């Protein structure tokens, strides 16, 4: 079981081939390939673990963009006590769904 910990857009993800992750919207069309070079950790089928300092050189996680979509609605509510002030708004974040296709060690 190939596993990798990647850092992408300020977030860390534990991924393996076939996984789908959702990240903030990328300016990439659906079906295009993407390479993630910030790989922090890799574990292979035999149980060997490589840890980067801070990243592993020559290790790449490949994926393809599956969909551009909107996430669940996030509600924001503000109020001030004892003044009858209430304000509610919300938005749906735009997301890109990426399917991990391969983890390549250099």
PDB file of N, CA and C in Angstrom:
ATOM      1  N   UNK A   1       0.845  -1.174   0.000  1.00  0.00           N
ATOM      2  CA  UNK A   1       0.000   0.000   0.000  1.00  0.00           C
ATOM      3  C   UNK A   1       0.893   1.240   0.000  1.00  0.00           C
ATOM      4  N   UNK A   2       0.918   1.941  -1.119  1.00  0.00           N
ATOM      5  CA  UNK A   2       1.662   3.195  -1.204  1.00  0.00           C
ATOM      6  C   UNK A   2       0.876   4.288  -0.499  1.00  0.00           C
ATOM      7  N   UNK A   3       1.547   4.998   0.385  1.00  0.00           N
ATOM      8  CA  UNK A   3       0.957   6.136   1.074  1.00  0.00           C
ATOM      9  C   UNK A   3       1.891   7.323   0.941  1.00  0.00           C
ATOM     10  N   UNK A   4       1.331   8.503   0.951  1.00  0.00           N
ATOM     11  CA  UNK A   4       2.139   9.708   0.931  1.00  0.00           C
ATOM     12  C   UNK A   4       1.423  10.798   1.716  1.00  0.00           C
ATOM     13  N   UNK A   5       2.209  11.631   2.365  1.00  0.00           N
ATOM     14  CA  UNK A   5       1.678  12.832   2.995  1.00  0.00           C
ATOM     15  C   UNK A   5       2.163  13.995   2.145  1.00  0.00           C
ATOM     16  N   UNK A   6       1.208  14.742   1.603  1.00  0.00           N
ATOM     17  CA  UNK A   6       1.558  15.860   0.736  1.00  0.00           C
ATOM     18  C   UNK A   6       1.103  17.166   1.372  1.00  0.00           C
ATOM     19  N   UNK A   7       1.789  18.237   0.982  1.00  0.00           N
ATOM     20  CA  UNK A   7       1.379  19.565   1.400  1.00  0.00           C
ATOM     21  C   UNK A   7       0.943  20.298   0.143  1.00  0.00           C
ATOM     22  N   UNK A   8      -0.311  20.798   0.162  1.00  0.00           N
ATOM     23  CA  UNK A   8      -0.867  21.444  -1.017  1.00  0.00           C
ATOM     24  C   UNK A   8      -1.769  22.573  -0.567  1.00  0.00           C
ATOM     25  N   UNK A   9      -1.493  23.769  -1.014  1.00  0.00           N
ATOM     26  CA  UNK A   9      -2.271  24.962  -0.682  1.00  0.00           C
ATOM     27  C   UNK A   9      -2.358  25.188   0.827  1.00  0.00           C
ATOM     28  N   UNK A  10      -1.282  24.896   1.542  1.00  0.00           N
ATOM     29  CA  UNK A  10      -1.258  25.140   2.978  1.00  0.00           C
ATOM     30  C   UNK A  10      -1.920  24.072   3.820  1.00  0.00           C
ATOM     31  N   UNK A  11      -2.386  22.991   3.209  1.00  0.00           N
ATOM     32  CA  UNK A  11      -3.013  21.888   3.927  1.00  0.00           C
ATOM     33  C   UNK A  11      -2.201  20.619   3.687  1.00  0.00           C
ATOM     34  N   UNK A  12      -2.265  19.698   4.636  1.00  0.00           N
ATOM     35  CA  UNK A  12      -1.603  18.413   4.478  1.00  0.00           C
ATOM     36  C   UNK A  12      -2.652  17.329   4.277  1.00  0.00           C
ATOM     37  N   UNK A  13      -2.365  16.416   3.352  1.00  0.00           N
ATOM     38  CA  UNK A  13      -3.280  15.328   3.027  1.00  0.00           C
ATOM     39  C   UNK A  13      -2.530  14.002   3.072  1.00  0.00           C
ATOM     40  N   UNK A  14      -3.159  12.968   3.616  1.00  0.00           N
ATOM     41  CA  UNK A  14      -2.653  11.609   3.564  1.00  0.00           C
ATOM     42  C   UNK A  14      -3.345  10.935   2.389  1.00  0.00           C
ATOM     43  N   UNK A  15      -2.580  10.574   1.353  1.00  0.00           N
ATOM     44  CA  UNK A  15      -3.187  10.074   0.119  1.00  0.00           C
ATOM     45  C   UNK A  15      -2.566   8.753  -0.299  1.00  0.00           C
ATOM     46  N   UNK A  16      -3.309   8.007  -1.096  1.00  0.00           N
ATOM     47  CA  UNK A  16      -2.825   6.806  -1.774  1.00  0.00           C
ATOM     48  C   UNK A  16      -3.455   6.789  -3.157  1.00  0.00           C
ATOM     49  N   UNK A  17      -2.926   6.037  -4.096  1.00  0.00           N
ATOM     50  CA  UNK A  17      -3.517   6.021  -5.444  1.00  0.00           C
ATOM     51  C   UNK A  17      -4.992   5.609  -5.409  1.00  0.00           C
ATOM     52  N   UNK A  18      -5.811   6.381  -6.108  1.00  0.00           N
ATOM     53  CA  UNK A  18      -7.244   6.123  -6.141  1.00  0.00           C
ATOM     54  C   UNK A  18      -8.044   7.045  -5.233  1.00  0.00           C
ATOM     55  N   UNK A  19      -7.380   7.731  -4.291  1.00  0.00           N
ATOM     56  CA  UNK A  19      -8.077   8.653  -3.401  1.00  0.00           C
ATOM     57  C   UNK A  19      -8.492   9.920  -4.142  1.00  0.00           C
ATOM     58  N   UNK A  20      -9.543  10.549  -3.651  1.00  0.00           N
ATOM     59  CA  UNK A  20      -9.981  11.837  -4.182  1.00  0.00           C
ATOM     60  C   UNK A  20      -9.904  12.857  -3.051  1.00  0.00           C
ATOM     61  N   UNK A  21      -9.311  14.010  -3.349  1.00  0.00           N
ATOM     62  CA  UNK A  21      -9.223  15.080  -2.377  1.00  0.00           C
ATOM     63  C   UNK A  21      -9.870  16.330  -2.945  1.00  0.00           C
ATOM     64  N   UNK A  22     -10.385  17.175  -2.059  1.00  0.00           N
ATOM     65  CA  UNK A  22     -10.986  18.434  -2.480  1.00  0.00           C
ATOM     66  C   UNK A  22     -10.117  19.569  -1.973  1.00  0.00           C
ATOM     67  N   UNK A  23      -9.728  20.446  -2.892  1.00  0.00           N
ATOM     68  CA  UNK A  23      -8.888  21.594  -2.570  1.00  0.00           C
ATOM     69  C   UNK A  23      -9.577  22.857  -3.062  1.00  0.00           C
ATOM     70  N   UNK A  24      -9.051  24.020  -2.656  1.00  0.00           N
ATOM     71  CA  UNK A  24      -9.580  25.271  -3.161  1.00  0.00           C
ATOM     72  C   UNK A  24      -9.442  25.305  -4.671  1.00  0.00           C
ATOM     73  N   UNK A  25     -10.281  26.096  -5.318  1.00  0.00           N
ATOM     74  CA  UNK A  25     -10.368  26.100  -6.778  1.00  0.00           C
ATOM     75  C   UNK A  25      -9.018  26.385  -7.431  1.00  0.00           C
ATOM     76  N   UNK A  26      -8.694  25.556  -8.416  1.00  0.00           N
ATOM     77  CA  UNK A  26      -7.481  25.716  -9.214  1.00  0.00           C
ATOM     78  C   UNK A  26      -7.867  26.158 -10.622  1.00  0.00           C
ATOM     79  N   UNK A  27      -7.038  26.969 -11.266  1.00  0.00           N
ATOM     80  CA  UNK A  27      -7.340  27.380 -12.646  1.00  0.00           C
ATOM     81  C   UNK A  27      -6.909  26.315 -13.649  1.00  0.00           C
ATOM     82  N   UNK A  28      -7.433  25.103 -13.487  1.00  0.00           N
ATOM     83  CA  UNK A  28      -7.094  23.964 -14.340  1.00  0.00           C
ATOM     84  C   UNK A  28      -8.389  23.344 -14.844  1.00  0.00           C
ATOM     85  N   UNK A  29      -8.405  22.953 -16.111  1.00  0.00           N
ATOM     86  CA  UNK A  29      -9.605  22.346 -16.684  1.00  0.00           C
ATOM     87  C   UNK A  29      -9.764  20.903 -16.220  1.00  0.00           C
ATOM     88  N   UNK A  30     -11.003  20.414 -16.291  1.00  0.00           N
ATOM     89  CA  UNK A  30     -11.271  19.024 -15.932  1.00  0.00           C
ATOM     90  C   UNK A  30     -10.558  18.087 -16.888  1.00  0.00           C
ATOM     91  N   UNK A  31     -10.017  16.995 -16.339  1.00  0.00           N
ATOM     92  CA  UNK A  31      -9.317  16.012 -17.147  1.00  0.00           C
ATOM     93  C   UNK A  31      -7.823  16.258 -17.275  1.00  0.00           C
ATOM     94  N   UNK A  32      -7.355  17.436 -16.881  1.00  0.00           N
ATOM     95  CA  UNK A  32      -5.921  17.749 -16.970  1.00  0.00           C
ATOM     96  C   UNK A  32      -5.166  17.089 -15.829  1.00  0.00           C
ATOM     97  N   UNK A  33      -3.878  16.786 -16.083  1.00  0.00           N
ATOM     98  CA  UNK A  33      -3.026  16.182 -15.062  1.00  0.00           C
ATOM     99  C   UNK A  33      -2.364  17.273 -14.232  1.00  0.00           C
ATOM    100  N   UNK A  34      -2.050  16.919 -12.999  1.00  0.00           N
ATOM    101  CA  UNK A  34      -1.417  17.855 -12.078  1.00  0.00           C
ATOM    102  C   UNK A  34      -0.339  17.103 -11.299  1.00  0.00           C
ATOM    103  N   UNK A  35       0.773  17.775 -11.017  1.00  0.00           N
ATOM    104  CA  UNK A  35       1.856  17.178 -10.238  1.00  0.00           C
ATOM    105  C   UNK A  35       2.023  17.957  -8.946  1.00  0.00           C
ATOM    106  N   UNK A  36       2.140  17.226  -7.843  1.00  0.00           N
ATOM    107  CA  UNK A  36       2.355  17.838  -6.539  1.00  0.00           C
ATOM    108  C   UNK A  36       3.755  17.437  -6.089  1.00  0.00           C
ATOM    109  N   UNK A  37       4.620  18.422  -5.939  1.00  0.00           N
ATOM    110  CA  UNK A  37       6.025  18.146  -5.639  1.00  0.00           C
ATOM    111  C   UNK A  37       6.370  18.265  -4.167  1.00  0.00           C
ATOM    112  N   UNK A  38       5.482  18.822  -3.365  1.00  0.00           N
ATOM    113  CA  UNK A  38       5.751  18.948  -1.944  1.00  0.00           C
ATOM    114  C   UNK A  38       5.275  17.695  -1.216  1.00  0.00           C
ATOM    115  N   UNK A  39       6.118  16.649  -1.231  1.00  0.00           N
ATOM    116  CA  UNK A  39       5.810  15.374  -0.591  1.00  0.00           C
ATOM    117  C   UNK A  39       6.615  15.311   0.706  1.00  0.00           C
ATOM    118  N   UNK A  40       5.928  15.150   1.821  1.00  0.00           N
ATOM    119  CA  UNK A  40       6.574  15.174   3.123  1.00  0.00           C
ATOM    120  C   UNK A  40       6.971  13.793   3.611  1.00  0.00           C
ATOM    121  N   UNK A  41       6.219  12.753   3.220  1.00  0.00           N
ATOM    122  CA  UNK A  41       6.464  11.397   3.700  1.00  0.00           C
ATOM    123  C   UNK A  41       5.950  10.409   2.669  1.00  0.00           C
ATOM    124  N   UNK A  42       6.674   9.297   2.515  1.00  0.00           N
ATOM    125  CA  UNK A  42       6.248   8.226   1.619  1.00  0.00           C
ATOM    126  C   UNK A  42       6.447   6.896   2.326  1.00  0.00           C
ATOM    127  N   UNK A  43       5.448   6.011   2.252  1.00  0.00           N
ATOM    128  CA  UNK A  43       5.541   4.652   2.771  1.00  0.00           C
ATOM    129  C   UNK A  43       5.178   3.704   1.649  1.00  0.00           C
ATOM    130  N   UNK A  44       5.973   2.629   1.469  1.00  0.00           N
ATOM    131  CA  UNK A  44       5.697   1.682   0.388  1.00  0.00           C
ATOM    132  C   UNK A  44       5.055   0.405   0.929  1.00  0.00           C
ATOM    133  N   UNK A  45       4.881  -0.586   0.035  1.00  0.00           N
ATOM    134  CA  UNK A  45       4.191  -1.821   0.394  1.00  0.00           C
ATOM    135  C   UNK A  45       4.942  -2.620   1.446  1.00  0.00           C
ATOM    136  N   UNK A  46       6.274  -2.528   1.451  1.00  0.00           N
ATOM    137  CA  UNK A  46       7.091  -3.328   2.366  1.00  0.00           C
ATOM    138  C   UNK A  46       7.170  -2.728   3.758  1.00  0.00           C
ATOM    139  N   UNK A  47       6.622  -1.552   3.937  1.00  0.00           N
ATOM    140  CA  UNK A  47       6.663  -0.912   5.241  1.00  0.00           C
ATOM    141  C   UNK A  47       7.800   0.084   5.392  1.00  0.00           C
ATOM    142  N   UNK A  48       8.562   0.304   4.327  1.00  0.00           N
ATOM    143  CA  UNK A  48       9.632   1.298   4.379  1.00  0.00           C
ATOM    144  C   UNK A  48       9.034   2.692   4.378  1.00  0.00           C
ATOM    145  N   UNK A  49       9.557   3.545   5.235  1.00  0.00           N
ATOM    146  CA  UNK A  49       9.056   4.911   5.349  1.00  0.00           C
ATOM    147  C   UNK A  49      10.203   5.872   5.090  1.00  0.00           C
ATOM    148  N   UNK A  50       9.965   6.833   4.204  1.00  0.00           N
ATOM    149  CA  UNK A  50      10.931   7.895   3.947  1.00  0.00           C
ATOM    150  C   UNK A  50      10.312   9.206   4.418  1.00  0.00           C
ATOM    151  N   UNK A  51      11.064   9.928   5.235  1.00  0.00           N
ATOM    152  CA  UNK A  51      10.583  11.203   5.756  1.00  0.00           C
ATOM    153  C   UNK A  51      11.464  12.306   5.211  1.00  0.00           C
ATOM    154  N   UNK A  52      10.851  13.343   4.685  1.00  0.00           N
ATOM    155  CA  UNK A  52      11.589  14.456   4.109  1.00  0.00           C
ATOM    156  C   UNK A  52      12.017  15.460   5.161  1.00  0.00           C
ATOM    157  N   UNK A  53      13.001  16.283   4.776  1.00  0.00           N
ATOM    158  CA  UNK A  53      13.479  17.334   5.672  1.00  0.00           C
ATOM    159  C   UNK A  53      13.486  18.667   4.951  1.00  0.00           C
ATOM    160  N   UNK A  54      12.466  19.396   4.771  1.00  0.00           N
ATOM    161  CA  UNK A  54      11.064  19.091   5.069  1.00  0.00           C
ATOM    162  C   UNK A  54      10.367  18.327   3.953  1.00  0.00           C
ATOM    163  N   UNK A  55      10.883  18.374   2.696  1.00  0.00           N
ATOM    164  CA  UNK A  55      10.230  17.645   1.603  1.00  0.00           C
ATOM    165  C   UNK A  55      11.198  16.638   1.013  1.00  0.00           C
ATOM    166  N   UNK A  56      10.642  15.627   0.342  1.00  0.00           N
ATOM    167  CA  UNK A  56      11.456  14.624  -0.343  1.00  0.00           C
ATOM    168  C   UNK A  56      11.782  15.115  -1.745  1.00  0.00           C
ATOM    169  N   UNK A  57      13.056  15.119  -2.081  1.00  0.00           N
ATOM    170  CA  UNK A  57      13.482  15.515  -3.421  1.00  0.00           C
ATOM    171  C   UNK A  57      13.172  14.384  -4.398  1.00  0.00           C
ATOM    172  N   UNK A  58      12.863  14.717  -5.625  1.00  0.00           N
ATOM    173  CA  UNK A  58      12.610  13.763  -6.716  1.00  0.00           C
ATOM    174  C   UNK A  58      11.432  12.831  -6.455  1.00  0.00           C
ATOM    175  N   UNK A  59      10.544  13.192  -5.566  1.00  0.00           N
ATOM    176  CA  UNK A  59       9.330  12.420  -5.325  1.00  0.00           C
ATOM    177  C   UNK A  59       8.140  13.285  -5.731  1.00  0.00           C
ATOM    178  N   UNK A  60       7.243  12.706  -6.535  1.00  0.00           N
ATOM    179  CA  UNK A  60       6.126  13.443  -7.104  1.00  0.00           C
ATOM    180  C   UNK A  60       4.849  12.634  -6.932  1.00  0.00           C
ATOM    181  N   UNK A  61       3.779  13.313  -6.566  1.00  0.00           N
ATOM    182  CA  UNK A  61       2.453  12.698  -6.535  1.00  0.00           C
ATOM    183  C   UNK A  61       1.687  13.244  -7.729  1.00  0.00           C
ATOM    184  N   UNK A  62       1.203  12.333  -8.566  1.00  0.00           N
ATOM    185  CA  UNK A  62       0.465  12.740  -9.762  1.00  0.00           C
ATOM    186  C   UNK A  62      -1.028  12.547  -9.539  1.00  0.00           C
ATOM    187  N   UNK A  63      -1.796  13.425 -10.146  1.00  0.00           N
ATOM    188  CA  UNK A  63      -3.242  13.335 -10.051  1.00  0.00           C
ATOM    189  C   UNK A  63      -3.881  13.960 -11.264  1.00  0.00           C
ATOM    190  N   UNK A  64      -5.186  13.802 -11.359  1.00  0.00           N
ATOM    191  CA  UNK A  64      -5.908  14.463 -12.440  1.00  0.00           C
ATOM    192  C   UNK A  64      -7.139  15.144 -11.859  1.00  0.00           C
ATOM    193  N   UNK A  65      -7.503  16.249 -12.485  1.00  0.00           N
ATOM    194  CA  UNK A  65      -8.645  17.026 -12.033  1.00  0.00           C
ATOM    195  C   UNK A  65      -9.916  16.321 -12.494  1.00  0.00           C
ATOM    196  N   UNK A  66     -10.757  15.966 -11.529  1.00  0.00           N
ATOM    197  CA  UNK A  66     -11.984  15.240 -11.834  1.00  0.00           C
ATOM    198  C   UNK A  66     -13.146  16.203 -12.027  1.00  0.00           C
ATOM    199  N   UNK A  67     -13.256  17.196 -11.144  1.00  0.00           N
ATOM    200  CA  UNK A  67     -14.420  18.090 -11.212  1.00  0.00           C
ATOM    201  C   UNK A  67     -14.102  19.449 -10.600  1.00  0.00           C
ATOM    202  N   UNK A  68     -14.795  20.448 -11.115  1.00  0.00           N
ATOM    203  CA  UNK A  68     -14.819  21.784 -10.515  1.00  0.00           C
ATOM    204  C   UNK A  68     -16.241  21.946  -9.976  1.00  0.00           C
ATOM    205  N   UNK A  69     -16.391  22.125  -8.675  1.00  0.00           N
ATOM    206  CA  UNK A  69     -17.737  22.178  -8.112  1.00  0.00           C
ATOM    207  C   UNK A  69     -17.781  23.101  -6.906  1.00  0.00           C
ATOM    208  N   UNK A  70     -18.977  23.255  -6.349  1.00  0.00           N
ATOM    209  CA  UNK A  70     -19.164  24.065  -5.157  1.00  0.00           C
ATOM    210  C   UNK A  70     -19.324  23.141  -3.955  1.00  0.00           C
ATOM    211  N   UNK A  71     -18.826  23.596  -2.805  1.00  0.00           N
ATOM    212  CA  UNK A  71     -18.926  22.834  -1.578  1.00  0.00           C
ATOM    213  C   UNK A  71     -20.222  23.109  -0.839  1.00  0.00           C
ATOM    214  N   UNK A  72     -20.299  22.604   0.379  1.00  0.00           N
ATOM    215  CA  UNK A  72     -21.474  22.842   1.212  1.00  0.00           C
ATOM    216  C   UNK A  72     -21.517  24.305   1.634  1.00  0.00           C
ATOM    217  N   UNK A  73     -22.718  24.798   1.875  1.00  0.00           N
ATOM    218  CA  UNK A  73     -22.885  26.184   2.266  1.00  0.00           C
ATOM    219  C   UNK A  73     -22.334  26.409   3.672  1.00  0.00           C
ATOM    220  N   UNK A  74     -21.573  27.484   3.809  1.00  0.00           N
ATOM    221  CA  UNK A  74     -21.023  27.870   5.095  1.00  0.00           C
ATOM    222  C   UNK A  74     -21.809  29.082   5.573  1.00  0.00           C
ATOM    223  N   UNK A  75     -22.356  28.975   6.781  1.00  0.00           N
ATOM    224  CA  UNK A  75     -23.180  30.058   7.321  1.00  0.00           C
ATOM    225  C   UNK A  75     -22.355  30.876   8.306  1.00  0.00           C
ATOM    226  N   UNK A  76     -22.504  32.197   8.211  1.00  0.00           N
ATOM    227  CA  UNK A  76     -21.806  33.118   9.088  1.00  0.00           C
ATOM    228  C   UNK A  76     -22.865  33.938   9.802  1.00  0.00           C
ATOM    229  N   UNK A  77     -22.804  33.974  11.119  1.00  0.00           N
ATOM    230  CA  UNK A  77     -23.800  34.694  11.904  1.00  0.00           C
ATOM    231  C   UNK A  77     -23.079  35.584  12.897  1.00  0.00           C
ATOM    232  N   UNK A  78     -23.419  36.870  12.891  1.00  0.00           N
ATOM    233  CA  UNK A  78     -22.833  37.830  13.820  1.00  0.00           C
ATOM    234  C   UNK A  78     -23.946  38.486  14.615  1.00  0.00           C
ATOM    235  N   UNK A  79     -23.673  38.745  15.872  1.00  0.00           N
ATOM    236  CA  UNK A  79     -24.647  39.480  16.660  1.00  0.00           C
ATOM    237  C   UNK A  79     -23.918  40.254  17.745  1.00  0.00           C
ATOM    238  N   UNK A  80     -24.593  41.277  18.246  1.00  0.00           N
ATOM    239  CA  UNK A  80     -24.088  42.044  19.374  1.00  0.00           C
ATOM    240  C   UNK A  80     -25.132  41.953  20.485  1.00  0.00           C
ATOM    241  N   UNK A  81     -24.669  41.652  21.650  1.00  0.00           N
ATOM    242  CA  UNK A  81     -25.573  41.442  22.772  1.00  0.00           C
ATOM    243  C   UNK A  81     -26.291  42.740  23.155  1.00  0.00           C
ATOM    244  N   UNK A  82     -27.538  42.612  23.510  1.00  0.00           N
ATOM    245  CA  UNK A  82     -28.361  43.693  24.070  1.00  0.00           C
ATOM    246  C   UNK A  82     -28.589  44.862  23.115  1.00  0.00           C
ATOM    247  N   UNK A  83     -28.404  44.685  21.826  1.00  0.00           N
ATOM    248  CA  UNK A  83     -28.615  45.803  20.911  1.00  0.00           C
ATOM    249  C   UNK A  83     -29.482  45.428  19.710  1.00  0.00           C
ATOM    250  N   UNK A  84     -30.001  44.220  19.706  1.00  0.00           N
ATOM    251  CA  UNK A  84     -30.844  43.713  18.620  1.00  0.00           C
ATOM    252  C   UNK A  84     -30.140  43.725  17.267  1.00  0.00           C
ATOM    253  N   UNK A  85     -28.840  43.572  17.288  1.00  0.00           N
ATOM    254  CA  UNK A  85     -28.063  43.536  16.046  1.00  0.00           C
ATOM    255  C   UNK A  85     -27.802  42.089  15.684  1.00  0.00           C
ATOM    256  N   UNK A  86     -28.302  41.680  14.528  1.00  0.00           N
ATOM    257  CA  UNK A  86     -28.064  40.331  14.034  1.00  0.00           C
ATOM    258  C   UNK A  86     -27.819  40.411  12.536  1.00  0.00           C
ATOM    259  N   UNK A  87     -26.831  39.673  12.082  1.00  0.00           N
ATOM    260  CA  UNK A  87     -26.521  39.677  10.657  1.00  0.00           C
ATOM    261  C   UNK A  87     -26.144  38.252  10.263  1.00  0.00           C
ATOM    262  N   UNK A  88     -26.795  37.758   9.217  1.00  0.00           N
ATOM    263  CA  UNK A  88     -26.518  36.405   8.758  1.00  0.00           C
ATOM    264  C   UNK A  88     -26.170  36.456   7.288  1.00  0.00           C
ATOM    265  N   UNK A  89     -25.107  35.775   6.928  1.00  0.00           N
ATOM    266  CA  UNK A  89     -24.777  35.609   5.520  1.00  0.00           C
ATOM    267  C   UNK A  89     -24.061  34.284   5.357  1.00  0.00           C
ATOM    268  N   UNK A  90     -23.851  33.898   4.129  1.00  0.00           N
ATOM    269  CA  UNK A  90     -23.192  32.635   3.875  1.00  0.00           C
ATOM    270  C   UNK A  90     -22.682  32.583   2.454  1.00  0.00           C
ATOM    271  N   UNK A  91     -21.927  31.543   2.174  1.00  0.00           N
ATOM    272  CA  UNK A  91     -21.410  31.357   0.826  1.00  0.00           C
ATOM    273  C   UNK A  91     -21.073  29.891   0.612  1.00  0.00           C
ATOM    274  N   UNK A  92     -20.919  29.526  -0.634  1.00  0.00           N
ATOM    275  CA  UNK A  92     -20.498  28.173  -0.990  1.00  0.00           C
ATOM    276  C   UNK A  92     -19.124  28.267  -1.632  1.00  0.00           C
ATOM    277  N   UNK A  93     -18.118  27.647  -1.028  1.00  0.00           N
ATOM    278  CA  UNK A  93     -16.771  27.735  -1.595  1.00  0.00           C
ATOM    279  C   UNK A  93     -16.661  26.947  -2.897  1.00  0.00           C
ATOM    280  N   UNK A  94     -15.873  27.467  -3.825  1.00  0.00           N
ATOM    281  CA  UNK A  94     -15.617  26.751  -5.071  1.00  0.00           C
ATOM    282  C   UNK A  94     -14.439  25.817  -4.847  1.00  0.00           C
ATOM    283  N   UNK A  95     -14.624  24.556  -5.219  1.00  0.00           N
ATOM    284  CA  UNK A  95     -13.638  23.513  -4.950  1.00  0.00           C
ATOM    285  C   UNK A  95     -13.220  22.818  -6.237  1.00  0.00           C
ATOM    286  N   UNK A  96     -12.040  22.232  -6.197  1.00  0.00           N
ATOM    287  CA  UNK A  96     -11.549  21.379  -7.266  1.00  0.00           C
ATOM    288  C   UNK A  96     -11.329  19.997  -6.674  1.00  0.00           C
ATOM    289  N   UNK A  97     -11.870  18.974  -7.317  1.00  0.00           N
ATOM    290  CA  UNK A  97     -11.692  17.603  -6.855  1.00  0.00           C
ATOM    291  C   UNK A  97     -10.580  16.951  -7.670  1.00  0.00           C
ATOM    292  N   UNK A  98      -9.582  16.410  -6.965  1.00  0.00           N
ATOM    293  CA  UNK A  98      -8.415  15.794  -7.607  1.00  0.00           C
ATOM    294  C   UNK A  98      -8.377  14.316  -7.241  1.00  0.00           C
ATOM    295  N   UNK A  99      -8.191  13.463  -8.251  1.00  0.00           N
ATOM    296  CA  UNK A  99      -8.009  12.030  -8.009  1.00  0.00           C
ATOM    297  C   UNK A  99      -6.518  11.724  -8.108  1.00  0.00           C
ATOM    298  N   UNK A 100      -5.975  11.072  -7.080  1.00  0.00           N
ATOM    299  CA  UNK A 100      -4.564  10.713  -7.055  1.00  0.00           C
ATOM    300  C   UNK A 100      -4.364   9.492  -7.932  1.00  0.00           C
ATOM    301  N   UNK A 101      -3.459   9.597  -8.924  1.00  0.00           N
ATOM    302  CA  UNK A 101      -3.246   8.486  -9.844  1.00  0.00           C
ATOM    303  C   UNK A 101      -1.979   7.699  -9.537  1.00  0.00           C
ATOM    304  N   UNK A 102      -0.904   8.371  -9.090  1.00  0.00           N
ATOM    305  CA  UNK A 102       0.354   7.655  -8.849  1.00  0.00           C
ATOM    306  C   UNK A 102       1.223   8.419  -7.867  1.00  0.00           C
ATOM    307  N   UNK A 103       2.057   7.640  -7.164  1.00  0.00           N
ATOM    308  CA  UNK A 103       3.086   8.202  -6.288  1.00  0.00           C
ATOM    309  C   UNK A 103       4.412   7.708  -6.839  1.00  0.00           C
ATOM    310  N   UNK A 104       5.241   8.631  -7.317  1.00  0.00           N
ATOM    311  CA  UNK A 104       6.491   8.247  -7.972  1.00  0.00           C
ATOM    312  C   UNK A 104       7.690   8.662  -7.121  1.00  0.00           C
ATOM    313  N   UNK A 105       8.478   7.658  -6.731  1.00  0.00           N
ATOM    314  CA  UNK A 105       9.735   7.918  -6.011  1.00  0.00           C
ATOM    315  C   UNK A 105      10.842   8.134  -7.027  1.00  0.00           C
ATOM    316  N   UNK A 106      11.720   9.098  -6.751  1.00  0.00           N
ATOM    317  CA  UNK A 106      12.761   9.433  -7.706  1.00  0.00           C
ATOM    318  C   UNK A 106      13.964   8.571  -7.650  1.00  0.00           C
TER     319      UNK A 106
END
